[in-house]
């Protein structure tokens, strides 16, 4: 296990935060979207103890959306396809201290399958971006960097889809 953590640390040291995104997939699904309801998934207890709080993740997320003039809904709205911007931060803490983390920003909306257009709408991720990183318990704030970057990608795609 120590070898795996050291390998990941070396990889991340040379490459920065590993990232993936689906910038074009889902752009059309943001067209006409007027706002989003923000959902912050539960954060692991150990990470919370070390200072990574859902309230801070929500604060960072909502500040980015407000700065981009994207309305934040108090509940999902049918007119927006019940759009939820789901923020998920998963962490794994190695017994020797470092955290491996993943950050996911995903838009989940109610959709209908083309093979069953009169069927019941189902929730589906229509846009998403992810990043991986490594940090110490004393630097949990590092996780905000890829979160802000992925939120920036969402905002950029939202603006492009809605000509803002």
Protein backbone atom coordinates (compact mmCIF):
# COMPACT_ATOMS: atom_id res chain seq x y z
CA UNK A 1 0.00 0.00 0.00
CA UNK A 2 2.89 2.34 0.81
CA UNK A 3 4.23 1.82 -2.71
CA UNK A 4 0.83 2.72 -4.20
CA UNK A 5 0.61 5.95 -2.17
CA UNK A 6 4.20 6.89 -3.05
CA UNK A 7 3.50 6.20 -6.73
CA UNK A 8 0.38 8.36 -6.63
CA UNK A 9 2.26 11.11 -4.83
CA UNK A 10 5.00 11.06 -7.48
CA UNK A 11 2.48 11.07 -10.30
CA UNK A 12 0.57 13.98 -8.82
CA UNK A 13 3.76 15.89 -8.01
CA UNK A 14 4.77 15.81 -11.66
CA UNK A 15 1.37 16.23 -13.23
CA UNK A 16 -0.53 18.45 -10.81
CA UNK A 17 -4.14 17.50 -10.29
CA UNK A 18 -5.34 14.76 -12.61
CA UNK A 19 -8.47 15.86 -14.41
CA UNK A 20 -11.12 14.74 -16.79
CA UNK A 21 -14.05 16.53 -18.28
CA UNK A 22 -16.78 16.08 -20.80
CA UNK A 23 -16.78 19.62 -22.21
CA UNK A 24 -18.76 18.96 -25.39
CA UNK A 25 -20.87 16.08 -24.16
CA UNK A 26 -23.85 17.69 -22.58
CA UNK A 27 -23.37 21.26 -23.76
CA UNK A 28 -26.70 21.05 -25.58
CA UNK A 29 -28.36 19.83 -22.38
CA UNK A 30 -27.51 23.18 -20.75
CA UNK A 31 -29.24 25.20 -23.49
CA UNK A 32 -32.20 27.10 -22.07
CA UNK A 33 -31.27 26.27 -18.48
CA UNK A 34 -32.16 29.24 -16.28
CA UNK A 35 -30.74 28.09 -12.93
CA UNK A 36 -29.67 25.14 -10.79
CA UNK A 37 -30.35 23.64 -7.41
CA UNK A 38 -27.05 22.92 -5.61
CA UNK A 39 -26.56 19.54 -3.93
CA UNK A 40 -23.40 18.91 -1.90
CA UNK A 41 -22.89 15.22 -1.19
CA UNK A 42 -21.90 14.09 2.30
CA UNK A 43 -18.21 14.29 3.07
CA UNK A 44 -16.36 11.48 4.84
CA UNK A 45 -16.17 11.84 8.63
CA UNK A 46 -12.34 11.76 8.75
CA UNK A 47 -12.13 14.52 6.12
CA UNK A 48 -14.69 16.59 8.04
CA UNK A 49 -12.61 16.15 11.20
CA UNK A 50 -9.58 17.44 9.28
CA UNK A 51 -11.50 20.53 8.13
CA UNK A 52 -13.24 19.71 4.83
CA UNK A 53 -16.82 20.84 5.46
CA UNK A 54 -19.94 20.58 3.32
CA UNK A 55 -20.82 24.15 4.30
CA UNK A 56 -17.53 25.44 2.85
CA UNK A 57 -18.00 23.41 -0.35
CA UNK A 58 -21.51 24.90 -0.71
CA UNK A 59 -20.15 28.40 -0.03
CA UNK A 60 -17.45 28.08 -2.73
CA UNK A 61 -19.95 26.61 -5.20
CA UNK A 62 -22.64 29.21 -4.67
CA UNK A 63 -20.12 32.08 -4.76
CA UNK A 64 -18.87 30.90 -8.17
CA UNK A 65 -22.42 30.59 -9.52
CA UNK A 66 -23.43 34.01 -8.18
CA UNK A 67 -20.31 35.62 -9.66
CA UNK A 68 -21.34 34.14 -13.03
CA UNK A 69 -24.95 35.35 -12.60
CA UNK A 70 -26.30 31.80 -12.67
CA UNK A 71 -29.43 31.68 -10.50
CA UNK A 72 -29.36 29.28 -7.56
CA UNK A 73 -32.71 27.64 -6.97
CA UNK A 74 -34.04 26.87 -3.48
CA UNK A 75 -35.43 23.63 -4.87
CA UNK A 76 -35.27 21.83 -8.23
CA UNK A 77 -37.66 23.44 -10.73
CA UNK A 78 -39.53 21.51 -13.43
CA UNK A 79 -39.03 24.36 -15.92
CA UNK A 80 -35.29 23.70 -15.63
CA UNK A 81 -35.65 19.93 -15.93
CA UNK A 82 -35.29 19.68 -12.16
CA UNK A 83 -31.61 20.53 -12.70
CA UNK A 84 -29.32 19.68 -9.80
CA UNK A 85 -25.67 20.71 -9.75
CA UNK A 86 -24.21 17.88 -7.69
CA UNK A 87 -20.86 18.41 -5.97
CA UNK A 88 -19.17 15.24 -4.73
CA UNK A 89 -15.83 15.13 -2.96
CA UNK A 90 -14.58 11.64 -2.13
CA UNK A 91 -11.53 11.12 0.06
CA UNK A 92 -9.37 8.20 1.07
CA UNK A 93 -7.01 8.78 3.98
CA UNK A 94 -3.89 6.66 4.13
CA UNK A 95 -2.94 5.53 7.67
CA UNK A 96 0.31 7.50 7.33
CA UNK A 97 -1.61 10.70 6.71
CA UNK A 98 -2.08 11.85 3.12
CA UNK A 99 -5.48 12.05 1.46
CA UNK A 100 -6.23 10.97 -2.08
CA UNK A 101 -9.29 12.91 -3.24
CA UNK A 102 -11.63 13.20 -6.18
CA UNK A 103 -13.80 16.19 -7.00
CA UNK A 104 -16.86 15.81 -9.21
CA UNK A 105 -19.15 18.55 -10.50
CA UNK A 106 -22.14 17.06 -12.33
CA UNK A 107 -25.40 18.39 -13.69
CA UNK A 108 -28.24 15.92 -13.16
CA UNK A 109 -31.55 16.58 -14.92
CA UNK A 110 -34.77 14.75 -15.59
CA UNK A 111 -34.68 13.32 -19.12
CA UNK A 112 -36.74 11.06 -21.36
CA UNK A 113 -35.19 8.27 -23.37
CA UNK A 114 -35.48 8.71 -27.13
CA UNK A 115 -36.66 5.11 -27.42
CA UNK A 116 -39.52 5.93 -25.03
CA UNK A 117 -40.38 9.63 -25.52
CA UNK A 118 -43.73 9.32 -23.77
CA UNK A 119 -42.19 7.44 -20.84
CA UNK A 120 -41.59 8.72 -17.35
CA UNK A 121 -38.64 11.12 -17.06
CA UNK A 122 -35.60 9.74 -15.23
CA UNK A 123 -32.67 11.53 -13.58
CA UNK A 124 -29.46 11.46 -15.63
CA UNK A 125 -26.09 13.18 -15.57
CA UNK A 126 -26.00 15.37 -18.66
CA UNK A 127 -22.74 17.19 -17.96
CA UNK A 128 -19.81 16.41 -15.69
CA UNK A 129 -16.17 17.13 -14.85
CA UNK A 130 -13.82 15.39 -12.42
CA UNK A 131 -10.41 15.91 -10.88
CA UNK A 132 -8.10 13.88 -8.64
CA UNK A 133 -5.47 15.07 -6.21
CA UNK A 134 -3.41 14.38 -3.15
CA UNK A 135 -3.17 16.51 -0.01
CA UNK A 136 -2.26 16.38 3.65
CA UNK A 137 -4.72 16.66 6.55
CA UNK A 138 -3.27 20.10 7.30
CA UNK A 139 -4.00 21.34 3.75
CA UNK A 140 -7.57 20.26 3.06
CA UNK A 141 -8.09 23.72 1.52
CA UNK A 142 -6.09 22.43 -1.50
CA UNK A 143 -9.26 20.56 -2.51
CA UNK A 144 -10.94 23.90 -3.29
CA UNK A 145 -8.59 24.46 -6.25
CA UNK A 146 -9.91 21.62 -8.47
CA UNK A 147 -13.44 22.36 -7.23
CA UNK A 148 -13.17 25.95 -8.46
CA UNK A 149 -11.63 24.77 -11.72
CA UNK A 150 -14.46 22.28 -12.39
CA UNK A 151 -17.05 24.90 -11.45
CA UNK A 152 -15.33 27.22 -13.94
CA UNK A 153 -15.71 24.57 -16.64
CA UNK A 154 -19.42 24.25 -15.83
CA UNK A 155 -19.88 28.02 -15.91
CA UNK A 156 -18.03 28.31 -19.21
CA UNK A 157 -20.16 25.57 -20.78
CA UNK A 158 -23.34 27.10 -19.34
CA UNK A 159 -22.46 30.50 -20.79
CA UNK A 160 -21.55 29.01 -24.17
CA UNK A 161 -24.79 27.03 -24.31
CA UNK A 162 -26.83 30.09 -23.36
CA UNK A 163 -24.78 32.75 -25.23
CA UNK A 164 -23.92 34.75 -22.11
